[in-house]
Protein backbone atom coordinates (compact mmCIF):
# COMPACT_ATOMS: atom_id res chain seq x y z
CA MET A 1 -11.52 334.46 -11.34
CA ARG A 2 -9.58 331.30 -12.25
CA ARG A 3 -10.53 328.40 -10.02
CA PRO A 4 -10.48 324.62 -10.66
CA LYS A 5 -13.74 323.24 -11.98
CA SER A 6 -14.35 320.62 -9.34
CA THR A 7 -16.12 320.07 -6.05
CA ASP A 8 -17.63 322.63 -3.74
CA ALA A 9 -14.86 321.80 -1.27
CA ILE A 10 -12.18 322.87 -3.75
CA SER A 11 -14.07 326.06 -4.60
CA ALA A 12 -14.39 326.86 -0.90
CA GLU A 13 -10.65 326.32 -0.31
CA CYS A 14 -9.75 328.52 -3.30
CA ALA A 15 -12.09 331.22 -1.98
CA PHE A 16 -10.39 331.00 1.42
CA PHE A 17 -6.90 331.27 -0.07
CA GLU A 18 -7.99 334.27 -2.10
CA ARG A 19 -9.27 336.01 1.03
CA PHE A 20 -6.16 334.98 2.95
CA TYR A 21 -3.93 336.49 0.22
CA LYS A 22 -5.78 339.78 0.20
CA TRP A 23 -5.69 339.92 4.00
CA ALA A 24 -1.93 339.19 3.98
CA LEU A 25 -1.35 342.17 1.67
CA ASP A 26 -3.26 344.39 4.10
CA ASP A 27 -1.42 342.91 7.08
CA TRP A 28 1.92 343.72 5.45
CA ASN A 29 0.81 347.35 5.26
CA ARG A 30 0.05 347.19 8.99
CA GLU A 31 3.44 345.69 9.83
CA ILE A 32 5.26 348.40 7.90
CA ALA A 33 3.09 351.21 9.24
CA ASP A 34 3.60 350.03 12.83
CA GLY A 35 7.41 349.84 12.47
CA LEU A 36 7.82 346.04 12.14
CA PRO A 37 6.71 345.20 15.68
CA ILE A 38 6.53 341.45 14.93
CA LEU A 39 9.20 340.90 12.28
CA GLY A 40 11.70 343.20 14.01
CA PRO A 41 12.21 341.20 17.22
CA ALA A 42 11.56 337.80 15.57
CA ARG A 43 14.27 335.18 16.10
CA SER A 44 13.89 333.77 12.59
CA SER A 45 17.12 334.27 10.63
CA THR A 46 15.20 335.14 7.47
CA SER A 47 13.03 337.83 9.06
CA PHE A 48 16.06 339.25 10.87
CA ALA A 49 17.91 339.36 7.53
CA TYR A 50 14.95 341.19 5.99
CA VAL A 51 15.07 343.88 8.71
CA GLN A 52 18.85 344.34 8.28
CA ILE A 53 18.77 344.40 4.48
CA THR A 54 15.87 346.82 4.09
CA THR A 55 16.83 349.29 6.82
CA GLY A 56 17.96 351.87 4.27
CA LEU A 57 14.97 351.48 1.94
CA SER A 58 12.19 354.04 1.71
CA PRO A 59 8.75 353.08 3.10
CA ALA A 60 7.44 352.85 -0.48
CA SER A 61 10.22 350.41 -1.46
CA ARG A 62 9.60 348.32 1.65
CA LEU A 63 5.91 348.14 0.77
CA ALA A 64 6.69 347.16 -2.82
CA LEU A 65 9.10 344.43 -1.69
CA GLY A 66 6.59 343.20 0.90
CA ARG A 67 3.85 342.98 -1.73
CA ALA A 68 6.17 340.94 -3.96
CA LEU A 69 7.05 338.61 -1.11
CA VAL A 70 3.37 338.07 -0.29
CA LYS A 71 2.53 337.42 -3.94
CA ARG A 72 5.32 334.85 -4.12
CA SER A 73 4.15 333.05 -0.98
CA HIS A 74 0.42 332.96 -1.82
CA GLY A 75 0.38 331.21 -5.18
CA ILE A 76 -3.16 329.82 -4.96
CA GLY A 77 -4.69 332.98 -3.59
CA ARG A 78 -2.94 335.21 -6.13
CA SER A 79 -3.92 332.89 -8.96
CA ALA A 80 -7.55 333.09 -7.84
CA THR A 81 -7.49 336.88 -8.20
CA GLY A 82 -5.86 336.71 -11.66
CA GLU A 83 -2.97 338.91 -10.51
CA GLU A 84 0.43 338.39 -12.09
CA MET A 85 3.89 339.18 -10.76
CA THR A 86 5.14 342.35 -12.41
CA ASP A 87 8.62 342.69 -13.89
CA GLU A 88 9.44 345.22 -11.18
CA GLU A 89 8.34 342.80 -8.46
CA SER A 90 10.32 339.93 -10.00
CA GLU A 91 13.42 342.14 -10.06
CA LEU A 92 12.85 343.17 -6.43
CA LEU A 93 12.64 339.49 -5.43
CA ARG A 94 15.87 338.66 -7.28
CA TRP A 95 17.66 341.53 -5.54
CA TYR A 96 16.26 340.55 -2.15
CA SER A 97 17.10 336.84 -2.54
CA LYS A 98 20.73 337.65 -3.29
CA ALA A 99 21.02 340.24 -0.51
CA LYS A 100 19.40 337.88 1.99
CA LEU A 101 21.65 334.98 1.00
CA LEU A 102 24.79 337.09 1.40
CA LYS A 103 23.64 338.40 4.79
CA LEU A 104 22.86 334.89 6.06
CA ALA A 105 26.22 333.63 4.81
CA VAL A 106 28.11 336.42 6.56
CA ASP A 107 26.20 335.72 9.77
CA ARG A 108 26.90 331.98 9.51
CA ILE A 109 30.66 332.15 9.15
CA GLY A 110 30.89 334.66 11.98
CA GLY A 111 34.45 335.56 12.99
CA MET A 112 36.06 332.56 11.29
CA VAL A 113 37.47 334.59 8.38
CA GLY A 114 38.62 337.78 10.12
CA GLN A 115 37.49 341.33 9.51
CA SER A 116 35.36 342.61 6.63
CA VAL A 117 37.54 344.72 4.29
CA ARG A 118 35.23 345.27 1.31
CA LYS A 119 31.48 345.14 0.77
CA THR A 120 29.15 345.69 -2.19
CA ALA A 121 25.53 344.78 -2.81
CA ALA A 122 26.51 341.35 -4.15
CA GLU A 123 29.81 340.44 -2.46
CA GLN A 124 31.85 340.79 0.68
CA TRP A 125 35.56 340.26 1.36
CA PHE A 126 37.20 339.35 4.67
CA GLN A 127 40.83 339.34 5.70
CA LEU A 128 42.49 337.13 8.28
CA GLU A 129 46.18 337.55 9.14
CA ILE A 130 48.27 334.77 10.68
CA GLY A 131 51.84 335.93 11.21
CA ASN A 132 53.19 336.97 7.76
CA TRP A 133 50.36 335.12 6.05
CA LYS A 134 47.12 336.61 4.84
CA ILE A 135 43.84 334.95 3.80
CA LEU A 136 41.32 336.94 1.78
CA THR A 137 37.95 335.22 1.75
CA MET A 138 35.38 336.20 -0.87
CA LEU A 139 31.63 335.60 -0.67
CA ASP A 140 29.40 336.57 -3.58
CA THR A 141 26.00 336.09 -5.15
CA VAL A 142 26.65 337.80 -8.46
CA GLN A 143 25.54 335.08 -10.86
CA GLN A 144 22.30 335.33 -12.84
CA MET A 145 20.91 332.35 -10.94
CA THR A 146 20.80 332.96 -7.19
CA SER A 147 23.84 331.14 -5.92
CA LEU A 148 26.43 331.42 -3.17
CA ARG A 149 30.09 331.31 -4.13
CA TYR A 150 33.27 331.58 -2.12
CA ASN A 151 37.03 331.25 -2.35
CA HIS A 152 40.17 332.06 -0.36
CA ARG A 153 43.19 333.96 -1.66
CA VAL A 154 46.35 333.05 0.24
CA SER A 155 49.49 335.17 0.24
CA ARG A 156 52.37 336.42 2.33
CA SER A 157 52.20 340.06 3.31
CA ASP A 158 55.99 340.43 3.00
CA MET A 159 56.27 339.10 -0.59
CA THR A 160 57.25 341.52 -3.39
CA GLN A 161 55.52 341.64 -6.77
CA GLU A 162 58.61 340.13 -8.41
CA GLU A 163 58.54 337.22 -5.99
CA ARG A 164 54.87 336.66 -6.73
CA MET A 165 55.62 336.51 -10.46
CA ARG A 166 58.40 333.98 -9.85
CA ILE A 167 55.98 331.81 -7.86
CA GLY A 168 53.39 332.11 -10.61
CA ALA A 169 55.92 330.94 -13.22
CA LEU A 170 56.27 327.62 -11.38
CA GLY A 171 52.84 326.45 -12.47
CA HIS A 172 49.09 326.92 -12.14
CA ALA A 173 48.34 329.45 -9.43
CA GLN A 174 47.24 327.77 -6.23
CA ASN A 175 46.85 330.88 -4.10
CA VAL A 176 43.10 330.98 -5.01
CA THR A 177 41.47 328.03 -3.35
CA SER A 178 38.24 326.58 -2.01
CA ILE A 179 37.10 323.06 -1.21
CA GLN A 180 36.52 322.32 -4.89
CA GLN A 181 40.04 323.50 -5.78
CA TRP A 182 41.91 321.55 -3.13
CA LEU A 183 39.96 318.46 -4.10
CA GLY A 184 40.93 318.95 -7.76
CA PHE A 185 38.11 320.99 -9.28
CA TYR A 186 37.47 324.69 -10.05
CA PRO A 187 38.95 327.28 -7.63
CA VAL A 188 35.57 328.83 -6.80
CA THR A 189 33.00 326.69 -4.98
CA GLU A 190 29.36 327.45 -5.70
CA TRP A 191 26.04 326.33 -4.28
CA ARG A 192 22.77 327.00 -6.14
CA ALA A 193 20.29 328.49 -3.69
CA SER A 194 17.39 329.77 -5.75
CA ARG A 195 14.92 327.82 -3.58
CA ASP A 196 14.45 328.43 0.13
CA GLU A 197 15.09 324.77 0.92
CA ASP A 198 18.52 324.99 -0.75
CA VAL A 199 19.68 327.96 1.33
CA GLU A 200 20.41 325.98 4.49
CA ILE A 201 22.33 323.37 2.47
CA ALA A 202 24.48 326.13 0.99
CA LEU A 203 25.07 327.82 4.35
CA ALA A 204 25.95 324.52 6.07
CA GLY A 205 28.35 323.58 3.26
CA LEU A 206 30.03 326.99 3.40
CA ALA A 207 30.53 326.88 7.16
CA LEU A 208 31.83 323.31 7.00
CA ALA A 209 34.36 324.04 4.22
CA ILE A 210 35.68 327.18 5.93
CA GLY A 211 35.74 325.38 9.27
CA ILE A 212 38.01 322.77 7.69
CA PHE A 213 40.34 325.17 5.86
CA ILE A 214 41.16 327.84 8.42
CA PRO A 215 42.50 325.48 11.16
CA THR A 216 44.29 323.43 8.50
CA PHE A 217 45.95 326.52 7.03
CA THR A 218 47.01 327.67 10.47
CA ARG A 219 48.62 324.30 11.12
CA LEU A 220 50.30 324.11 7.68
CA VAL A 221 52.01 327.50 7.96
CA GLU A 222 53.28 326.89 11.44
CA GLY A 223 57.04 327.59 11.53
CA LEU A 224 57.06 329.12 8.00
CA ASP A 225 57.35 332.74 9.08
């Protein structure tokens, strides 16, 4: 058992955290076995996202993910037992972090970007139509590092392929945009969100950027049908 060589107080705290960690693992088994009676109705956005994301998982997979989450959250207690995070558990946590981030992002932007038209494990597309104009909004978390990316693709629904090619010949394509593009940077805007404290920053930035663009776009295309 690896504990700091120090005072009795430190040893006692380490012993407590070890017991707390082992109890948390058992309590996760209880929560799963009882049908998520506490996490299910919880108002926390993260616990609600967990319930939504894992609905289709088998009980065994839910238990495995839960064990990985507990091991991640109880660093001192886990260290005291000498247990290490397995490769399978690390992969489960990467999958869950990305799925949770995407779910929270979709919930945050609400109906601002229209209807969902495509969804995979790592990305979701939305379409909003304004007269003859169409905005496709992409959210994704496909990078190796957990990050949230978005962009908009703007087009007219009545434009032919030949007309699109003629527009493209005029210069660098501007139909793919995001806040970084319209301010002069790369078309796709990305927030790193590998830490829990960064998630809210990413979600707030996403909502703010989309909240600026959609009303602005609506105003700019007025009378251009």
